[in-house]
Amino acid sequence: MGGFLLVLMFVSLFASMECDVMPFTACESGNPPITVSIDPCGESTYIKDIGCIFKQGTKVKVQAPFIAPFTSGSLETIASATFRGHEIPFPDSGSNACSYIVPSCPIMEGRMNILNYNFEILKYYPTGEMDVKFMIRDRRTKKVAACAKTTVIIVESN
């Protein structure tokens, strides 16, 4: 029971951060995060039932607490967008996920971690609606530590 209260307090603290909690779907591969928060994606940049709107050139901050389903010291990020039926990997897909996780690796089975991932919507990214998938997995076994999908809309910067 004490562990549950600690998790509840941790999630409450996380929810009070500057990011807005966004709807997401779990990946087929399993272990969704507890929440997904994206900044900037507040009332002025979110369309209900569609997703976040980002301008090209915008810096984005994603935070997602998750409970580690296994212990691992070697994790990688797998990030991609599906646009007009084509899956496009993000430039740093395959990078060391340990540099984005608090507390840092190794993650321990049953313990809470927070993914803190920052990236830029580059000017050459295509505009329009796309489904984004972000996964953290063990580099060797390919077991999924956390995975979520959400929809975003990228618009031209003016």
N, C-alpha and C. Protein backbone atom coordinates (compact mmCIF):
# COMPACT_ATOMS: atom_id res chain seq x y z
N MET A 1 0.82 -1.20 0.00
CA MET A 1 0.00 0.00 0.00
C MET A 1 0.86 1.26 0.00
N GLY A 2 1.98 1.26 0.73
CA GLY A 2 2.86 2.41 0.77
C GLY A 2 3.41 2.76 -0.60
N GLY A 3 3.75 1.72 -1.41
CA GLY A 3 4.25 1.94 -2.76
C GLY A 3 3.21 2.61 -3.63
N PHE A 4 1.94 2.21 -3.48
CA PHE A 4 0.85 2.81 -4.25
C PHE A 4 0.72 4.29 -3.93
N LEU A 5 0.81 4.64 -2.64
CA LEU A 5 0.70 6.05 -2.23
C LEU A 5 1.86 6.86 -2.79
N LEU A 6 3.06 6.28 -2.81
CA LEU A 6 4.21 6.97 -3.37
C LEU A 6 3.98 7.23 -4.86
N VAL A 7 3.50 6.24 -5.59
CA VAL A 7 3.21 6.40 -7.02
C VAL A 7 2.15 7.47 -7.22
N LEU A 8 1.10 7.46 -6.40
CA LEU A 8 0.03 8.45 -6.51
C LEU A 8 0.57 9.86 -6.26
N MET A 9 1.41 10.04 -5.26
CA MET A 9 2.01 11.34 -4.99
C MET A 9 2.90 11.77 -6.16
N PHE A 10 3.66 10.84 -6.71
CA PHE A 10 4.56 11.12 -7.82
C PHE A 10 3.78 11.57 -9.05
N VAL A 11 2.70 10.86 -9.36
CA VAL A 11 1.87 11.21 -10.51
C VAL A 11 1.20 12.57 -10.28
N SER A 12 0.77 12.84 -9.07
CA SER A 12 0.16 14.15 -8.76
C SER A 12 1.17 15.27 -8.97
N LEU A 13 2.40 15.07 -8.51
CA LEU A 13 3.45 16.06 -8.71
C LEU A 13 3.71 16.25 -10.20
N PHE A 14 3.79 15.14 -10.94
CA PHE A 14 4.04 15.19 -12.37
C PHE A 14 2.93 15.96 -13.08
N ALA A 15 1.69 15.71 -12.70
CA ALA A 15 0.56 16.36 -13.36
C ALA A 15 0.56 17.87 -13.14
N SER A 16 1.24 18.33 -12.10
CA SER A 16 1.27 19.77 -11.83
C SER A 16 2.36 20.49 -12.61
N MET A 17 3.18 19.79 -13.38
CA MET A 17 4.23 20.42 -14.17
C MET A 17 3.60 21.24 -15.29
N GLU A 18 4.44 22.01 -16.01
CA GLU A 18 3.93 22.95 -16.98
C GLU A 18 3.36 22.30 -18.24
N CYS A 19 3.56 21.06 -18.47
CA CYS A 19 3.06 20.39 -19.66
C CYS A 19 1.58 20.03 -19.50
N ASP A 20 0.88 19.91 -20.63
CA ASP A 20 -0.51 19.51 -20.61
C ASP A 20 -0.63 18.02 -20.90
N VAL A 21 -1.41 17.31 -20.07
CA VAL A 21 -1.62 15.88 -20.26
C VAL A 21 -2.48 15.69 -21.49
N MET A 22 -2.03 14.82 -22.39
CA MET A 22 -2.69 14.63 -23.68
C MET A 22 -3.23 13.22 -23.80
N PRO A 23 -4.27 13.06 -24.61
CA PRO A 23 -4.76 11.71 -24.88
C PRO A 23 -3.73 10.95 -25.72
N PHE A 24 -3.63 9.67 -25.48
CA PHE A 24 -2.75 8.82 -26.27
C PHE A 24 -3.33 7.42 -26.28
N THR A 25 -2.83 6.59 -27.16
CA THR A 25 -3.24 5.19 -27.19
C THR A 25 -2.02 4.32 -26.93
N ALA A 26 -2.27 3.16 -26.37
CA ALA A 26 -1.19 2.22 -26.11
C ALA A 26 -0.77 1.57 -27.42
N CYS A 27 0.48 1.24 -27.53
CA CYS A 27 0.98 0.51 -28.70
C CYS A 27 0.60 -0.96 -28.58
N GLU A 28 0.57 -1.62 -29.72
CA GLU A 28 0.29 -3.06 -29.73
C GLU A 28 1.35 -3.82 -28.94
N SER A 29 2.56 -3.27 -28.90
CA SER A 29 3.69 -3.94 -28.26
C SER A 29 3.65 -3.90 -26.74
N GLY A 30 2.76 -3.06 -26.17
CA GLY A 30 2.56 -3.10 -24.74
C GLY A 30 3.14 -1.96 -23.93
N ASN A 31 2.92 -2.04 -22.63
CA ASN A 31 3.33 -1.14 -21.55
C ASN A 31 3.20 0.35 -21.87
N PRO A 32 1.97 0.85 -21.83
CA PRO A 32 1.78 2.29 -22.04
C PRO A 32 2.29 3.08 -20.84
N PRO A 33 2.69 4.33 -21.06
CA PRO A 33 3.05 5.19 -19.93
C PRO A 33 1.81 5.51 -19.11
N ILE A 34 2.01 6.07 -17.92
CA ILE A 34 0.89 6.45 -17.06
C ILE A 34 0.16 7.64 -17.67
N THR A 35 0.91 8.63 -18.11
CA THR A 35 0.37 9.80 -18.80
C THR A 35 1.39 10.23 -19.86
N VAL A 36 0.94 11.07 -20.78
CA VAL A 36 1.83 11.71 -21.74
C VAL A 36 1.51 13.19 -21.70
N SER A 37 2.53 14.00 -21.42
CA SER A 37 2.37 15.45 -21.38
C SER A 37 3.27 16.07 -22.43
N ILE A 38 2.70 17.05 -23.15
CA ILE A 38 3.43 17.69 -24.23
C ILE A 38 3.35 19.21 -24.05
N ASP A 39 4.49 19.87 -24.21
CA ASP A 39 4.55 21.32 -24.13
C ASP A 39 5.27 21.82 -25.38
N PRO A 40 4.74 22.66 -26.22
CA PRO A 40 3.46 23.34 -26.05
C PRO A 40 2.33 22.53 -26.68
N CYS A 41 1.31 22.30 -25.94
CA CYS A 41 0.11 21.67 -26.47
C CYS A 41 -1.03 21.91 -25.49
N GLY A 42 -1.35 23.17 -25.30
CA GLY A 42 -2.43 23.55 -24.40
C GLY A 42 -3.70 23.84 -25.16
N GLU A 43 -4.58 24.58 -24.55
CA GLU A 43 -5.88 24.89 -25.15
C GLU A 43 -5.76 25.52 -26.52
N SER A 44 -4.76 26.37 -26.73
CA SER A 44 -4.64 27.07 -28.01
C SER A 44 -3.99 26.22 -29.11
N THR A 45 -3.37 25.10 -28.75
CA THR A 45 -2.68 24.29 -29.75
C THR A 45 -3.15 22.83 -29.77
N TYR A 46 -4.34 22.56 -29.25
CA TYR A 46 -4.87 21.20 -29.24
C TYR A 46 -6.29 21.21 -29.77
N ILE A 47 -6.57 20.31 -30.69
CA ILE A 47 -7.93 20.16 -31.21
C ILE A 47 -8.46 18.82 -30.71
N LYS A 48 -9.55 18.87 -29.97
CA LYS A 48 -10.14 17.67 -29.37
C LYS A 48 -10.40 16.62 -30.44
N ASP A 49 -10.07 15.38 -30.11
CA ASP A 49 -10.25 14.21 -30.97
C ASP A 49 -9.38 14.25 -32.22
N ILE A 50 -8.49 15.24 -32.34
CA ILE A 50 -7.56 15.26 -33.47
C ILE A 50 -6.12 15.21 -32.96
N GLY A 51 -5.70 16.21 -32.19
CA GLY A 51 -4.36 16.17 -31.63
C GLY A 51 -3.72 17.52 -31.48
N CYS A 52 -2.43 17.50 -31.14
CA CYS A 52 -1.65 18.71 -30.95
C CYS A 52 -1.30 19.33 -32.29
N ILE A 53 -1.24 20.65 -32.32
CA ILE A 53 -0.82 21.38 -33.51
C ILE A 53 0.54 21.99 -33.21
N PHE A 54 1.52 21.69 -34.07
CA PHE A 54 2.86 22.23 -33.91
C PHE A 54 3.25 22.99 -35.17
N LYS A 55 3.89 24.14 -34.97
CA LYS A 55 4.46 24.88 -36.10
C LYS A 55 5.86 24.37 -36.37
N GLN A 56 6.23 24.32 -37.63
CA GLN A 56 7.60 23.98 -37.97
C GLN A 56 8.52 24.96 -37.25
N GLY A 57 9.64 24.46 -36.75
CA GLY A 57 10.58 25.29 -36.01
C GLY A 57 10.31 25.36 -34.52
N THR A 58 9.21 24.74 -34.05
CA THR A 58 8.85 24.74 -32.63
C THR A 58 9.66 23.69 -31.87
N LYS A 59 10.07 24.05 -30.66
CA LYS A 59 10.72 23.08 -29.77
C LYS A 59 9.63 22.45 -28.91
N VAL A 60 9.68 21.13 -28.78
CA VAL A 60 8.64 20.37 -28.08
C VAL A 60 9.28 19.59 -26.93
N LYS A 61 8.55 19.56 -25.82
CA LYS A 61 8.99 18.83 -24.64
C LYS A 61 7.93 17.77 -24.32
N VAL A 62 8.36 16.52 -24.21
CA VAL A 62 7.45 15.42 -23.88
C VAL A 62 7.90 14.82 -22.56
N GLN A 63 6.95 14.61 -21.67
CA GLN A 63 7.21 13.93 -20.40
C GLN A 63 6.21 12.79 -20.26
N ALA A 64 6.72 11.63 -19.88
CA ALA A 64 5.85 10.46 -19.75
C ALA A 64 6.38 9.55 -18.63
N PRO A 65 5.69 9.53 -17.50
CA PRO A 65 6.09 8.59 -16.45
C PRO A 65 5.60 7.18 -16.81
N PHE A 66 6.41 6.19 -16.48
CA PHE A 66 6.04 4.80 -16.74
C PHE A 66 6.62 3.91 -15.66
N ILE A 67 5.98 2.77 -15.48
CA ILE A 67 6.47 1.75 -14.55
C ILE A 67 7.26 0.74 -15.37
N ALA A 68 8.52 0.54 -15.02
CA ALA A 68 9.38 -0.38 -15.77
C ALA A 68 8.88 -1.81 -15.62
N PRO A 69 8.62 -2.50 -16.74
CA PRO A 69 8.15 -3.89 -16.67
C PRO A 69 9.29 -4.90 -16.50
N PHE A 70 10.54 -4.42 -16.58
CA PHE A 70 11.71 -5.28 -16.44
C PHE A 70 12.90 -4.39 -16.07
N THR A 71 14.01 -5.02 -15.70
CA THR A 71 15.23 -4.30 -15.38
C THR A 71 16.12 -4.27 -16.62
N SER A 72 16.68 -3.10 -16.92
CA SER A 72 17.56 -2.99 -18.08
C SER A 72 18.48 -1.78 -17.93
N GLY A 73 19.69 -1.92 -18.41
CA GLY A 73 20.65 -0.82 -18.40
C GLY A 73 20.99 -0.35 -19.80
N SER A 74 20.36 -0.95 -20.81
CA SER A 74 20.66 -0.59 -22.19
C SER A 74 19.36 -0.43 -22.97
N LEU A 75 18.93 0.83 -23.12
CA LEU A 75 17.64 1.11 -23.76
C LEU A 75 17.85 1.97 -25.00
N GLU A 76 16.94 1.84 -25.96
CA GLU A 76 16.97 2.67 -27.15
C GLU A 76 15.60 3.28 -27.39
N THR A 77 15.60 4.42 -28.07
CA THR A 77 14.35 5.05 -28.46
C THR A 77 14.01 4.61 -29.88
N ILE A 78 12.74 4.37 -30.11
CA ILE A 78 12.25 4.10 -31.46
C ILE A 78 11.11 5.09 -31.66
N ALA A 79 11.32 6.07 -32.52
CA ALA A 79 10.33 7.12 -32.73
C ALA A 79 10.08 7.29 -34.22
N SER A 80 8.79 7.37 -34.57
CA SER A 80 8.44 7.52 -35.97
C SER A 80 7.09 8.21 -36.10
N ALA A 81 6.83 8.69 -37.31
CA ALA A 81 5.54 9.28 -37.63
C ALA A 81 5.00 8.56 -38.86
N THR A 82 3.71 8.29 -38.87
CA THR A 82 3.07 7.72 -40.05
C THR A 82 2.32 8.85 -40.73
N PHE A 83 2.74 9.13 -41.97
CA PHE A 83 2.21 10.26 -42.73
C PHE A 83 1.82 9.75 -44.12
N ARG A 84 0.52 9.89 -44.42
CA ARG A 84 -0.01 9.43 -45.72
C ARG A 84 0.39 8.00 -46.03
N GLY A 85 0.30 7.15 -45.00
CA GLY A 85 0.56 5.72 -45.17
C GLY A 85 2.01 5.32 -45.12
N HIS A 86 2.93 6.26 -44.94
CA HIS A 86 4.36 5.96 -44.91
C HIS A 86 4.91 6.21 -43.51
N GLU A 87 5.67 5.24 -42.99
CA GLU A 87 6.29 5.42 -41.68
C GLU A 87 7.64 6.10 -41.87
N ILE A 88 7.82 7.22 -41.17
CA ILE A 88 9.04 8.02 -41.27
C ILE A 88 9.73 8.02 -39.92
N PRO A 89 10.95 7.45 -39.81
CA PRO A 89 11.64 7.47 -38.52
C PRO A 89 12.12 8.88 -38.17
N PHE A 90 12.09 9.22 -36.87
CA PHE A 90 12.64 10.49 -36.41
C PHE A 90 14.16 10.43 -36.55
N PRO A 91 14.80 11.60 -36.70
CA PRO A 91 16.25 11.61 -36.89
C PRO A 91 17.04 10.91 -35.80
N ASP A 92 16.61 10.96 -34.54
CA ASP A 92 17.39 10.32 -33.48
C ASP A 92 16.81 8.98 -33.02
N SER A 93 15.95 8.38 -33.85
CA SER A 93 15.43 7.05 -33.52
C SER A 93 16.60 6.07 -33.44
N GLY A 94 16.59 5.25 -32.42
CA GLY A 94 17.69 4.32 -32.19
C GLY A 94 18.73 4.85 -31.22
N SER A 95 18.53 6.08 -30.73
CA SER A 95 19.49 6.67 -29.81
C SER A 95 19.36 6.06 -28.41
N ASN A 96 20.32 6.38 -27.55
CA ASN A 96 20.36 5.87 -26.18
C ASN A 96 19.25 6.52 -25.35
N ALA A 97 18.22 5.77 -25.00
CA ALA A 97 17.10 6.29 -24.23
C ALA A 97 17.48 6.60 -22.79
N CYS A 98 18.56 6.02 -22.29
CA CYS A 98 18.97 6.27 -20.90
C CYS A 98 19.25 7.74 -20.64
N SER A 99 19.64 8.47 -21.66
CA SER A 99 19.93 9.90 -21.46
C SER A 99 18.66 10.74 -21.33
N TYR A 100 17.49 10.15 -21.59
CA TYR A 100 16.22 10.87 -21.49
C TYR A 100 15.39 10.44 -20.28
N ILE A 101 15.89 9.50 -19.48
CA ILE A 101 15.09 8.90 -18.41
C ILE A 101 15.61 9.32 -17.04
N VAL A 102 14.66 9.63 -16.14
CA VAL A 102 14.96 9.97 -14.75
C VAL A 102 14.21 8.97 -13.87
N PRO A 103 14.83 8.32 -12.88
CA PRO A 103 16.27 8.30 -12.70
C PRO A 103 16.94 7.57 -13.87
N SER A 104 18.20 7.84 -14.08
CA SER A 104 18.92 7.28 -15.21
C SER A 104 19.02 5.76 -15.11
N CYS A 105 19.42 5.15 -16.18
CA CYS A 105 19.55 3.69 -16.23
C CYS A 105 20.55 3.20 -15.20
N PRO A 106 20.37 1.99 -14.71
CA PRO A 106 19.40 1.04 -15.20
C PRO A 106 17.99 1.31 -14.66
N ILE A 107 16.98 1.01 -15.50
CA ILE A 107 15.62 1.02 -14.98
C ILE A 107 15.43 -0.28 -14.21
N MET A 108 14.60 -0.22 -13.19
CA MET A 108 14.40 -1.40 -12.34
C MET A 108 12.94 -1.83 -12.42
N GLU A 109 12.72 -3.11 -12.58
CA GLU A 109 11.37 -3.65 -12.69
C GLU A 109 10.49 -3.17 -11.54
N GLY A 110 9.29 -2.66 -11.89
CA GLY A 110 8.33 -2.22 -10.90
C GLY A 110 8.52 -0.80 -10.40
N ARG A 111 9.57 -0.12 -10.84
CA ARG A 111 9.84 1.24 -10.38
C ARG A 111 9.39 2.28 -11.41
N MET A 112 9.01 3.44 -10.88
CA MET A 112 8.58 4.56 -11.72
C MET A 112 9.79 5.26 -12.32
N ASN A 113 9.67 5.63 -13.59
CA ASN A 113 10.68 6.41 -14.30
C ASN A 113 9.93 7.49 -15.06
N ILE A 114 10.64 8.56 -15.43
CA ILE A 114 10.02 9.59 -16.27
C ILE A 114 10.88 9.78 -17.51
N LEU A 115 10.24 9.70 -18.64
CA LEU A 115 10.88 10.04 -19.89
C LEU A 115 10.79 11.54 -20.06
N ASN A 116 11.91 12.22 -20.28
CA ASN A 116 11.96 13.65 -20.58
C ASN A 116 12.63 13.78 -21.94
N TYR A 117 11.83 14.01 -22.97
CA TYR A 117 12.34 13.99 -24.34
C TYR A 117 12.05 15.33 -25.00
N ASN A 118 13.08 15.98 -25.49
CA ASN A 118 12.93 17.27 -26.16
C ASN A 118 13.36 17.13 -27.61
N PHE A 119 12.61 17.75 -28.51
CA PHE A 119 12.98 17.72 -29.92
C PHE A 119 12.41 18.94 -30.62
N GLU A 120 12.86 19.16 -31.84
CA GLU A 120 12.38 20.30 -32.62
C GLU A 120 11.60 19.79 -33.83
N ILE A 121 10.50 20.47 -34.12
CA ILE A 121 9.74 20.19 -35.34
C ILE A 121 10.50 20.93 -36.45
N LEU A 122 11.30 20.19 -37.17
CA LEU A 122 12.18 20.80 -38.17
C LEU A 122 11.40 21.36 -39.35
N LYS A 123 11.97 22.37 -39.98
CA LYS A 123 11.29 23.07 -41.08
C LYS A 123 11.02 22.17 -42.28
N TYR A 124 11.79 21.10 -42.44
CA TYR A 124 11.55 20.20 -43.57
C TYR A 124 10.53 19.09 -43.28
N TYR A 125 10.04 19.01 -42.02
CA TYR A 125 9.00 18.02 -41.73
C TYR A 125 7.77 18.34 -42.57
N PRO A 126 7.10 17.33 -43.09
CA PRO A 126 5.90 17.59 -43.89
C PRO A 126 4.78 18.17 -43.04
N THR A 127 3.93 18.98 -43.66
CA THR A 127 2.79 19.55 -42.94
C THR A 127 1.60 18.63 -43.11
N GLY A 128 0.72 18.64 -42.11
CA GLY A 128 -0.48 17.82 -42.15
C GLY A 128 -0.60 16.98 -40.90
N GLU A 129 -1.62 16.14 -40.89
CA GLU A 129 -1.91 15.27 -39.75
C GLU A 129 -1.09 13.99 -39.85
N MET A 130 -0.53 13.56 -38.73
CA MET A 130 0.24 12.31 -38.71
C MET A 130 0.14 11.65 -37.35
N ASP A 131 0.30 10.34 -37.35
CA ASP A 131 0.31 9.57 -36.11
C ASP A 131 1.76 9.37 -35.69
N VAL A 132 2.06 9.73 -34.44
CA VAL A 132 3.42 9.62 -33.92
C VAL A 132 3.47 8.48 -32.91
N LYS A 133 4.52 7.67 -33.00
CA LYS A 133 4.72 6.56 -32.07
C LYS A 133 6.09 6.73 -31.44
N PHE A 134 6.13 6.61 -30.11
CA PHE A 134 7.39 6.72 -29.39
C PHE A 134 7.52 5.51 -28.46
N MET A 135 8.62 4.80 -28.60
CA MET A 135 8.85 3.57 -27.84
C MET A 135 10.22 3.59 -27.19
N ILE A 136 10.30 3.05 -25.99
CA ILE A 136 11.57 2.79 -25.32
C ILE A 136 11.65 1.28 -25.18
N ARG A 137 12.76 0.71 -25.66
CA ARG A 137 12.89 -0.75 -25.57
C ARG A 137 14.32 -1.15 -25.24
N ASP A 138 14.45 -2.37 -24.73
CA ASP A 138 15.75 -2.92 -24.42
C ASP A 138 16.52 -3.12 -25.73
N ARG A 139 17.72 -2.61 -25.78
CA ARG A 139 18.51 -2.66 -27.01
C ARG A 139 18.81 -4.10 -27.45
N ARG A 140 19.02 -5.01 -26.50
CA ARG A 140 19.40 -6.39 -26.83
C ARG A 140 18.18 -7.28 -27.06
N THR A 141 17.24 -7.29 -26.10
CA THR A 141 16.12 -8.23 -26.17
C THR A 141 14.93 -7.70 -26.97
N LYS A 142 14.90 -6.37 -27.20
CA LYS A 142 13.81 -5.68 -27.90
C LYS A 142 12.50 -5.68 -27.10
N LYS A 143 12.56 -6.03 -25.80
CA LYS A 143 11.37 -5.93 -24.95
C LYS A 143 11.02 -4.46 -24.76
N VAL A 144 9.72 -4.15 -24.77
CA VAL A 144 9.26 -2.77 -24.70
C VAL A 144 9.11 -2.33 -23.24
N ALA A 145 9.79 -1.23 -22.90
CA ALA A 145 9.69 -0.65 -21.56
C ALA A 145 8.50 0.30 -21.48
N ALA A 146 8.24 1.04 -22.57
CA ALA A 146 7.09 1.95 -22.63
C ALA A 146 6.85 2.31 -24.09
N CYS A 147 5.57 2.51 -24.43
CA CYS A 147 5.23 2.87 -25.81
C CYS A 147 3.87 3.56 -25.84
N ALA A 148 3.79 4.63 -26.63
CA ALA A 148 2.53 5.37 -26.78
C ALA A 148 2.44 5.93 -28.19
N LYS A 149 1.19 6.15 -28.62
CA LYS A 149 0.92 6.77 -29.92
C LYS A 149 -0.04 7.94 -29.72
N THR A 150 0.14 8.97 -30.51
CA THR A 150 -0.76 10.11 -30.48
C THR A 150 -0.78 10.74 -31.87
N THR A 151 -1.75 11.59 -32.10
CA THR A 151 -1.87 12.27 -33.38
C THR A 151 -1.42 13.72 -33.23
N VAL A 152 -0.68 14.20 -34.22
CA VAL A 152 -0.25 15.59 -34.23
C VAL A 152 -0.54 16.18 -35.61
N ILE A 153 -0.58 17.49 -35.65
CA ILE A 153 -0.73 18.22 -36.91
C ILE A 153 0.42 19.21 -36.98
N ILE A 154 1.17 19.16 -38.08
CA ILE A 154 2.25 20.11 -38.27
C ILE A 154 1.82 21.12 -39.30
N VAL A 155 2.02 22.40 -38.95
CA VAL A 155 1.66 23.50 -39.86
C VAL A 155 2.91 24.32 -40.14
N GLU A 156 2.89 25.05 -41.24
CA GLU A 156 4.02 25.90 -41.61
C GLU A 156 4.17 27.03 -40.60
N SER A 157 5.42 27.39 -40.36
CA SER A 157 5.65 28.56 -39.49
C SER A 157 5.51 29.81 -40.36
N ASN A 158 5.02 30.87 -39.78
CA ASN A 158 4.82 32.11 -40.56
C ASN A 158 5.92 33.09 -40.29
